[in-house]
């Protein structure tokens, strides 16, 4: 029996991924702040589910609860870090920027390192970090969101190198979704359902892909953005 932990499983991509993984035969550990919601999701899954209350901004407690969840499950083969936040912040309200960095960057790093420590001990595993196409440019509508997602992508690259240097059988997958139909969606161009996103993320994880765009056609946008001069990016995307 394969085992997976999804952090941020109470809604959106995380919830859809938990359902997808359970349908594929995984036992699933569900982690998020909303325990009652997680319990309802877990009861509906076709495989055994474990539930852990977790606030990723309380990094020490989150790491402890992650380790406890791994112990309860008897190990873990796949960890998906899907917890994230982001909303338009053109006025640069510090409370918004601070929360975004705390969840998307600090919280991600805390749990990514906890997952890699587990994989190091086991000798195997797959880590999936949910970044964003927004990682490819600096966004004026929400500077902290774009920057924090760039952090996720670069951190995944660093962890992949760390695992390779230790000769571990560990895959680190950086997933960059475009617009997905969740509460956090900033637009509706090429909008994908959470279920479609989950299916493609699952496939990327199973294949051990280093980088994946969701949906795949967003790769074209990625190439386009990288080719644009910064001044043009600022005018087009500001």
C-alpha atoms as a PDB file:
ATOM      1  CA  UNK A   1       0.000   0.000   0.000  1.00  0.00           C
ATOM      2  CA  UNK A   2       1.407   3.382  -1.018  1.00  0.00           C
ATOM      3  CA  UNK A   3       1.092   6.286   1.396  1.00  0.00           C
ATOM      4  CA  UNK A   4       0.781  10.004   0.704  1.00  0.00           C
ATOM      5  CA  UNK A   5       0.472  13.155   2.793  1.00  0.00           C
ATOM      6  CA  UNK A   6      -1.272  16.215   1.377  1.00  0.00           C
ATOM      7  CA  UNK A   7      -0.730  19.453   3.284  1.00  0.00           C
ATOM      8  CA  UNK A   8      -3.494  21.907   2.451  1.00  0.00           C
ATOM      9  CA  UNK A   9      -6.010  19.144   1.785  1.00  0.00           C
ATOM     10  CA  UNK A  10      -9.152  20.923   2.980  1.00  0.00           C
ATOM     11  CA  UNK A  11     -10.017  22.581  -0.352  1.00  0.00           C
ATOM     12  CA  UNK A  12      -9.002  23.277  -3.936  1.00  0.00           C
ATOM     13  CA  UNK A  13      -6.095  21.428  -5.503  1.00  0.00           C
ATOM     14  CA  UNK A  14      -5.181  19.726  -2.225  1.00  0.00           C
ATOM     15  CA  UNK A  15      -8.636  18.240  -1.731  1.00  0.00           C
ATOM     16  CA  UNK A  16      -8.812  17.075  -5.353  1.00  0.00           C
ATOM     17  CA  UNK A  17      -5.359  15.521  -5.058  1.00  0.00           C
ATOM     18  CA  UNK A  18      -6.304  13.635  -1.902  1.00  0.00           C
ATOM     19  CA  UNK A  19      -9.309  12.184  -3.703  1.00  0.00           C
ATOM     20  CA  UNK A  20      -7.237  11.338  -6.785  1.00  0.00           C
ATOM     21  CA  UNK A  21      -4.524   9.617  -4.768  1.00  0.00           C
ATOM     22  CA  UNK A  22      -7.021   7.592  -2.736  1.00  0.00           C
ATOM     23  CA  UNK A  23      -8.714   6.458  -5.938  1.00  0.00           C
ATOM     24  CA  UNK A  24      -5.271   5.322  -7.132  1.00  0.00           C
ATOM     25  CA  UNK A  25      -4.788   3.176  -4.041  1.00  0.00           C
ATOM     26  CA  UNK A  26      -2.908   5.476  -1.688  1.00  0.00           C
ATOM     27  CA  UNK A  27      -3.619   5.715   2.003  1.00  0.00           C
ATOM     28  CA  UNK A  28      -3.750   9.463   2.545  1.00  0.00           C
ATOM     29  CA  UNK A  29      -2.732  11.752   5.371  1.00  0.00           C
ATOM     30  CA  UNK A  30      -4.778  14.954   5.311  1.00  0.00           C
ATOM     31  CA  UNK A  31      -3.335  18.066   6.936  1.00  0.00           C
ATOM     32  CA  UNK A  32      -4.776  21.584   7.215  1.00  0.00           C
ATOM     33  CA  UNK A  33      -6.295  23.929   9.781  1.00  0.00           C
ATOM     34  CA  UNK A  34      -9.941  22.915   9.262  1.00  0.00           C
ATOM     35  CA  UNK A  35     -10.134  19.548  11.008  1.00  0.00           C
ATOM     36  CA  UNK A  36     -13.882  19.023  10.596  1.00  0.00           C
ATOM     37  CA  UNK A  37     -13.536  19.562   6.858  1.00  0.00           C
ATOM     38  CA  UNK A  38     -10.635  17.106   6.700  1.00  0.00           C
ATOM     39  CA  UNK A  39     -12.599  14.498   8.613  1.00  0.00           C
ATOM     40  CA  UNK A  40     -15.500  14.815   6.165  1.00  0.00           C
ATOM     41  CA  UNK A  41     -13.127  14.447   3.204  1.00  0.00           C
ATOM     42  CA  UNK A  42     -11.397  11.478   4.825  1.00  0.00           C
ATOM     43  CA  UNK A  43     -14.662   9.644   5.495  1.00  0.00           C
ATOM     44  CA  UNK A  44     -15.523   9.854   1.794  1.00  0.00           C
ATOM     45  CA  UNK A  45     -12.214   8.414   0.564  1.00  0.00           C
ATOM     46  CA  UNK A  46     -12.078   4.782  -0.595  1.00  0.00           C
ATOM     47  CA  UNK A  47      -8.836   4.093   1.331  1.00  0.00           C
ATOM     48  CA  UNK A  48      -7.717   4.698   4.896  1.00  0.00           C
ATOM     49  CA  UNK A  49      -7.316   8.371   5.786  1.00  0.00           C
ATOM     50  CA  UNK A  50      -5.402  10.048   8.585  1.00  0.00           C
ATOM     51  CA  UNK A  51      -6.167  13.582   9.757  1.00  0.00           C
ATOM     52  CA  UNK A  52      -3.825  16.137  11.313  1.00  0.00           C
ATOM     53  CA  UNK A  53      -4.650  19.697  12.307  1.00  0.00           C
ATOM     54  CA  UNK A  54      -1.845  21.867  10.989  1.00  0.00           C
ATOM     55  CA  UNK A  55      -1.177  25.589  10.657  1.00  0.00           C
ATOM     56  CA  UNK A  56       1.944  25.930   8.519  1.00  0.00           C
ATOM     57  CA  UNK A  57       2.683  29.385   9.939  1.00  0.00           C
ATOM     58  CA  UNK A  58       3.338  27.744  13.330  1.00  0.00           C
ATOM     59  CA  UNK A  59       6.370  26.051  11.857  1.00  0.00           C
ATOM     60  CA  UNK A  60       7.677  24.141  14.879  1.00  0.00           C
ATOM     61  CA  UNK A  61       4.264  22.694  15.701  1.00  0.00           C
ATOM     62  CA  UNK A  62       3.613  21.951  12.019  1.00  0.00           C
ATOM     63  CA  UNK A  63       6.878  19.998  11.749  1.00  0.00           C
ATOM     64  CA  UNK A  64       6.079  18.044  14.915  1.00  0.00           C
ATOM     65  CA  UNK A  65       2.617  17.164  13.640  1.00  0.00           C
ATOM     66  CA  UNK A  66       4.021  16.200  10.253  1.00  0.00           C
ATOM     67  CA  UNK A  67       6.450  13.787  11.916  1.00  0.00           C
ATOM     68  CA  UNK A  68       3.640  12.393  14.087  1.00  0.00           C
ATOM     69  CA  UNK A  69       1.505  11.865  10.979  1.00  0.00           C
ATOM     70  CA  UNK A  70       4.331   9.998   9.249  1.00  0.00           C
ATOM     71  CA  UNK A  71       4.741   7.783  12.323  1.00  0.00           C
ATOM     72  CA  UNK A  72       1.000   7.070  12.472  1.00  0.00           C
ATOM     73  CA  UNK A  73       1.014   6.062   8.805  1.00  0.00           C
ATOM     74  CA  UNK A  74       4.131   3.927   9.136  1.00  0.00           C
ATOM     75  CA  UNK A  75       6.047   5.989   6.594  1.00  0.00           C
ATOM     76  CA  UNK A  76       5.222   8.035   3.527  1.00  0.00           C
ATOM     77  CA  UNK A  77       6.024   7.691  -0.172  1.00  0.00           C
ATOM     78  CA  UNK A  78       4.650  10.976  -1.497  1.00  0.00           C
ATOM     79  CA  UNK A  79       4.319  14.393   0.146  1.00  0.00           C
ATOM     80  CA  UNK A  80       2.383  17.183  -1.564  1.00  0.00           C
ATOM     81  CA  UNK A  81       2.740  20.690  -0.136  1.00  0.00           C
ATOM     82  CA  UNK A  82      -0.343  22.470  -1.399  1.00  0.00           C
ATOM     83  CA  UNK A  83      -1.029  24.892   1.457  1.00  0.00           C
ATOM     84  CA  UNK A  84      -0.926  28.432   0.131  1.00  0.00           C
ATOM     85  CA  UNK A  85      -2.503  31.840   0.249  1.00  0.00           C
ATOM     86  CA  UNK A  86      -2.669  34.875  -1.991  1.00  0.00           C
ATOM     87  CA  UNK A  87      -4.926  37.810  -2.765  1.00  0.00           C
ATOM     88  CA  UNK A  88      -4.608  41.078  -4.672  1.00  0.00           C
ATOM     89  CA  UNK A  89      -2.708  43.670  -2.661  1.00  0.00           C
ATOM     90  CA  UNK A  90      -2.105  46.719  -4.819  1.00  0.00           C
ATOM     91  CA  UNK A  91      -1.906  48.939  -1.716  1.00  0.00           C
ATOM     92  CA  UNK A  92       0.936  46.825  -0.285  1.00  0.00           C
ATOM     93  CA  UNK A  93      -0.897  46.204   2.977  1.00  0.00           C
ATOM     94  CA  UNK A  94       1.837  44.710   5.145  1.00  0.00           C
ATOM     95  CA  UNK A  95      -0.495  42.308   6.927  1.00  0.00           C
ATOM     96  CA  UNK A  96      -1.354  40.733   3.568  1.00  0.00           C
ATOM     97  CA  UNK A  97       2.264  40.569   2.402  1.00  0.00           C
ATOM     98  CA  UNK A  98       3.423  39.154   5.734  1.00  0.00           C
ATOM     99  CA  UNK A  99       0.780  36.425   5.789  1.00  0.00           C
ATOM    100  CA  UNK A 100       1.586  35.436   2.203  1.00  0.00           C
ATOM    101  CA  UNK A 101       5.298  35.072   2.920  1.00  0.00           C
ATOM    102  CA  UNK A 102       4.628  33.218   6.184  1.00  0.00           C
ATOM    103  CA  UNK A 103       2.421  30.601   4.503  1.00  0.00           C
ATOM    104  CA  UNK A 104       3.904  30.275   1.026  1.00  0.00           C
ATOM    105  CA  UNK A 105       7.613  30.597   1.820  1.00  0.00           C
ATOM    106  CA  UNK A 106       8.349  30.041   5.513  1.00  0.00           C
ATOM    107  CA  UNK A 107       5.686  27.365   5.977  1.00  0.00           C
ATOM    108  CA  UNK A 108       6.671  25.621   2.764  1.00  0.00           C
ATOM    109  CA  UNK A 109      10.353  25.468   3.709  1.00  0.00           C
ATOM    110  CA  UNK A 110       9.560  24.166   7.195  1.00  0.00           C
ATOM    111  CA  UNK A 111       7.545  21.237   5.892  1.00  0.00           C
ATOM    112  CA  UNK A 112       9.687  20.587   2.817  1.00  0.00           C
ATOM    113  CA  UNK A 113      12.722  20.075   5.031  1.00  0.00           C
ATOM    114  CA  UNK A 114      10.711  17.841   7.355  1.00  0.00           C
ATOM    115  CA  UNK A 115       9.650  15.734   4.369  1.00  0.00           C
ATOM    116  CA  UNK A 116      13.197  15.494   3.035  1.00  0.00           C
ATOM    117  CA  UNK A 117      14.473  14.412   6.461  1.00  0.00           C
ATOM    118  CA  UNK A 118      11.906  11.597   6.381  1.00  0.00           C
ATOM    119  CA  UNK A 119      12.950  10.586   2.868  1.00  0.00           C
ATOM    120  CA  UNK A 120      16.602  10.685   3.904  1.00  0.00           C
ATOM    121  CA  UNK A 121      15.853   8.256   6.727  1.00  0.00           C
ATOM    122  CA  UNK A 122      13.729   6.018   4.488  1.00  0.00           C
ATOM    123  CA  UNK A 123      16.034   6.267   1.476  1.00  0.00           C
ATOM    124  CA  UNK A 124      13.189   7.098  -0.915  1.00  0.00           C
ATOM    125  CA  UNK A 125      10.219   9.405  -1.534  1.00  0.00           C
ATOM    126  CA  UNK A 126       8.693  12.059  -3.746  1.00  0.00           C
ATOM    127  CA  UNK A 127       8.101  15.684  -2.760  1.00  0.00           C
ATOM    128  CA  UNK A 128       5.694  17.850  -4.764  1.00  0.00           C
ATOM    129  CA  UNK A 129       5.781  21.599  -4.260  1.00  0.00           C
ATOM    130  CA  UNK A 130       2.865  23.602  -5.633  1.00  0.00           C
ATOM    131  CA  UNK A 131       4.335  26.788  -7.070  1.00  0.00           C
ATOM    132  CA  UNK A 132       2.633  28.855  -9.795  1.00  0.00           C
ATOM    133  CA  UNK A 133       3.128  30.310 -13.261  1.00  0.00           C
ATOM    134  CA  UNK A 134       3.240  33.581 -11.270  1.00  0.00           C
ATOM    135  CA  UNK A 135       6.710  32.505 -10.113  1.00  0.00           C
ATOM    136  CA  UNK A 136       8.023  33.519 -13.531  1.00  0.00           C
ATOM    137  CA  UNK A 137       7.445  37.260 -13.145  1.00  0.00           C
ATOM    138  CA  UNK A 138       7.065  39.971 -10.548  1.00  0.00           C
ATOM    139  CA  UNK A 139       3.400  40.844 -10.188  1.00  0.00           C
ATOM    140  CA  UNK A 140       2.285  44.312  -9.187  1.00  0.00           C
ATOM    141  CA  UNK A 141      -1.110  43.046  -8.039  1.00  0.00           C
ATOM    142  CA  UNK A 142       0.434  40.835  -5.351  1.00  0.00           C
ATOM    143  CA  UNK A 143       4.229  41.151  -5.101  1.00  0.00           C
ATOM    144  CA  UNK A 144       4.577  38.753  -2.171  1.00  0.00           C
ATOM    145  CA  UNK A 145       2.535  36.041  -3.899  1.00  0.00           C
ATOM    146  CA  UNK A 146       4.684  35.979  -7.034  1.00  0.00           C
ATOM    147  CA  UNK A 147       7.903  36.219  -5.033  1.00  0.00           C
ATOM    148  CA  UNK A 148       6.866  33.460  -2.623  1.00  0.00           C
ATOM    149  CA  UNK A 149       6.020  31.132  -5.495  1.00  0.00           C
ATOM    150  CA  UNK A 150       9.418  31.838  -7.065  1.00  0.00           C
ATOM    151  CA  UNK A 151      10.845  30.843  -3.673  1.00  0.00           C
ATOM    152  CA  UNK A 152       8.981  27.519  -3.844  1.00  0.00           C
ATOM    153  CA  UNK A 153      10.329  26.741  -7.321  1.00  0.00           C
ATOM    154  CA  UNK A 154      13.919  27.637  -6.434  1.00  0.00           C
ATOM    155  CA  UNK A 155      13.714  25.808  -3.116  1.00  0.00           C
ATOM    156  CA  UNK A 156      12.575  22.683  -4.959  1.00  0.00           C
ATOM    157  CA  UNK A 157      15.621  22.989  -7.227  1.00  0.00           C
ATOM    158  CA  UNK A 158      17.867  23.263  -4.180  1.00  0.00           C
ATOM    159  CA  UNK A 159      16.306  20.250  -2.466  1.00  0.00           C
ATOM    160  CA  UNK A 160      16.698  18.196  -5.643  1.00  0.00           C
ATOM    161  CA  UNK A 161      20.402  19.004  -5.688  1.00  0.00           C
ATOM    162  CA  UNK A 162      20.661  18.189  -1.966  1.00  0.00           C
ATOM    163  CA  UNK A 163      19.084  14.768  -2.549  1.00  0.00           C
ATOM    164  CA  UNK A 164      21.336  14.067  -5.540  1.00  0.00           C
ATOM    165  CA  UNK A 165      24.441  14.899  -3.524  1.00  0.00           C
ATOM    166  CA  UNK A 166      23.352  12.358  -0.907  1.00  0.00           C
ATOM    167  CA  UNK A 167      22.596   9.794  -3.636  1.00  0.00           C
ATOM    168  CA  UNK A 168      19.007   9.422  -2.442  1.00  0.00           C
ATOM    169  CA  UNK A 169      16.206   7.830  -4.445  1.00  0.00           C
ATOM    170  CA  UNK A 170      14.134  10.990  -4.025  1.00  0.00           C
ATOM    171  CA  UNK A 171      12.229  12.999  -6.631  1.00  0.00           C
ATOM    172  CA  UNK A 172      11.367  16.672  -6.138  1.00  0.00           C
ATOM    173  CA  UNK A 173       8.634  17.965  -8.437  1.00  0.00           C
ATOM    174  CA  UNK A 174       8.047  21.685  -8.954  1.00  0.00           C
ATOM    175  CA  UNK A 175       4.468  22.192 -10.198  1.00  0.00           C
ATOM    176  CA  UNK A 176       3.468  25.530 -11.712  1.00  0.00           C
ATOM    177  CA  UNK A 177      -0.315  25.742 -12.127  1.00  0.00           C
ATOM    178  CA  UNK A 178      -1.943  28.465 -14.173  1.00  0.00           C
ATOM    179  CA  UNK A 179      -5.498  29.469 -13.303  1.00  0.00           C
ATOM    180  CA  UNK A 180      -7.328  26.752 -11.382  1.00  0.00           C
ATOM    181  CA  UNK A 181     -10.954  27.101 -10.317  1.00  0.00           C
ATOM    182  CA  UNK A 182     -10.341  27.692  -6.595  1.00  0.00           C
ATOM    183  CA  UNK A 183     -10.910  30.527  -4.137  1.00  0.00           C
ATOM    184  CA  UNK A 184      -7.426  31.858  -4.921  1.00  0.00           C
ATOM    185  CA  UNK A 185      -7.855  32.172  -8.695  1.00  0.00           C
ATOM    186  CA  UNK A 186      -6.756  35.627  -9.909  1.00  0.00           C
ATOM    187  CA  UNK A 187      -8.201  35.166 -13.410  1.00  0.00           C
ATOM    188  CA  UNK A 188     -10.094  32.800 -15.692  1.00  0.00           C
ATOM    189  CA  UNK A 189      -7.848  32.471 -18.766  1.00  0.00           C
ATOM    190  CA  UNK A 190      -7.356  28.760 -19.557  1.00  0.00           C
ATOM    191  CA  UNK A 191      -9.098  27.929 -16.280  1.00  0.00           C
ATOM    192  CA  UNK A 192      -8.726  24.292 -15.193  1.00  0.00           C
ATOM    193  CA  UNK A 193     -10.846  22.399 -12.710  1.00  0.00           C
ATOM    194  CA  UNK A 194      -9.165  21.174  -9.503  1.00  0.00           C
ATOM    195  CA  UNK A 195      -9.777  17.626 -10.702  1.00  0.00           C
ATOM    196  CA  UNK A 196      -7.903  18.238 -13.971  1.00  0.00           C
ATOM    197  CA  UNK A 197      -5.062  19.857 -12.049  1.00  0.00           C
ATOM    198  CA  UNK A 198      -4.939  16.919  -9.623  1.00  0.00           C
ATOM    199  CA  UNK A 199      -4.802  14.394 -12.452  1.00  0.00           C
ATOM    200  CA  UNK A 200      -1.856  16.138 -14.119  1.00  0.00           C
ATOM    201  CA  UNK A 201      -0.004  16.695 -10.829  1.00  0.00           C
ATOM    202  CA  UNK A 202      -0.439  13.026  -9.926  1.00  0.00           C
ATOM    203  CA  UNK A 203       0.968  12.018 -13.308  1.00  0.00           C
ATOM    204  CA  UNK A 204       3.971  14.315 -12.875  1.00  0.00           C
ATOM    205  CA  UNK A 205       4.645  12.881  -9.413  1.00  0.00           C
ATOM    206  CA  UNK A 206       4.402   9.284 -10.601  1.00  0.00           C
ATOM    207  CA  UNK A 207       6.847  10.019 -13.423  1.00  0.00           C
ATOM    208  CA  UNK A 208       9.259  11.892 -11.168  1.00  0.00           C
ATOM    209  CA  UNK A 209       9.161  15.005 -13.315  1.00  0.00           C
ATOM    210  CA  UNK A 210      11.406  17.868 -12.219  1.00  0.00           C
ATOM    211  CA  UNK A 211       9.057  20.566 -13.489  1.00  0.00           C
ATOM    212  CA  UNK A 212       5.422  20.461 -14.563  1.00  0.00           C
ATOM    213  CA  UNK A 213       2.947  23.078 -15.776  1.00  0.00           C
ATOM    214  CA  UNK A 214      -0.767  22.633 -15.065  1.00  0.00           C
ATOM    215  CA  UNK A 215      -2.364  22.539 -17.463  1.00  0.00           C
ATOM    216  CA  UNK A 216       0.482  21.629 -19.800  1.00  0.00           C
ATOM    217  CA  UNK A 217      -0.236  24.432 -22.291  1.00  0.00           C
ATOM    218  CA  UNK A 218       0.898  26.946 -19.669  1.00  0.00           C
ATOM    219  CA  UNK A 219       4.408  25.840 -20.605  1.00  0.00           C
ATOM    220  CA  UNK A 220       3.957  28.002 -23.721  1.00  0.00           C
ATOM    221  CA  UNK A 221       3.228  30.991 -21.476  1.00  0.00           C
ATOM    222  CA  UNK A 222       6.336  30.168 -19.484  1.00  0.00           C
ATOM    223  CA  UNK A 223       8.522  30.223 -22.591  1.00  0.00           C
ATOM    224  CA  UNK A 224       6.916  33.480 -23.700  1.00  0.00           C
ATOM    225  CA  UNK A 225       7.431  35.198 -20.337  1.00  0.00           C
ATOM    226  CA  UNK A 226      11.072  34.166 -20.136  1.00  0.00           C
ATOM    227  CA  UNK A 227      11.698  35.668 -23.580  1.00  0.00           C
ATOM    228  CA  UNK A 228      10.174  39.053 -22.739  1.00  0.00           C
ATOM    229  CA  UNK A 229      12.424  41.950 -21.666  1.00  0.00           C
ATOM    230  CA  UNK A 230      11.711  43.081 -18.101  1.00  0.00           C
ATOM    231  CA  UNK A 231      10.347  46.450 -19.229  1.00  0.00           C
ATOM    232  CA  UNK A 232       7.818  44.740 -21.477  1.00  0.00           C
ATOM    233  CA  UNK A 233       6.857  42.351 -18.670  1.00  0.00           C
ATOM    234  CA  UNK A 234       6.205  45.297 -16.344  1.00  0.00           C
ATOM    235  CA  UNK A 235       3.907  47.005 -18.848  1.00  0.00           C
ATOM    236  CA  UNK A 236       2.118  43.845 -19.877  1.00  0.00           C
ATOM    237  CA  UNK A 237       1.667  42.278 -16.442  1.00  0.00           C
ATOM    238  CA  UNK A 238       1.693  45.250 -14.077  1.00  0.00           C
END
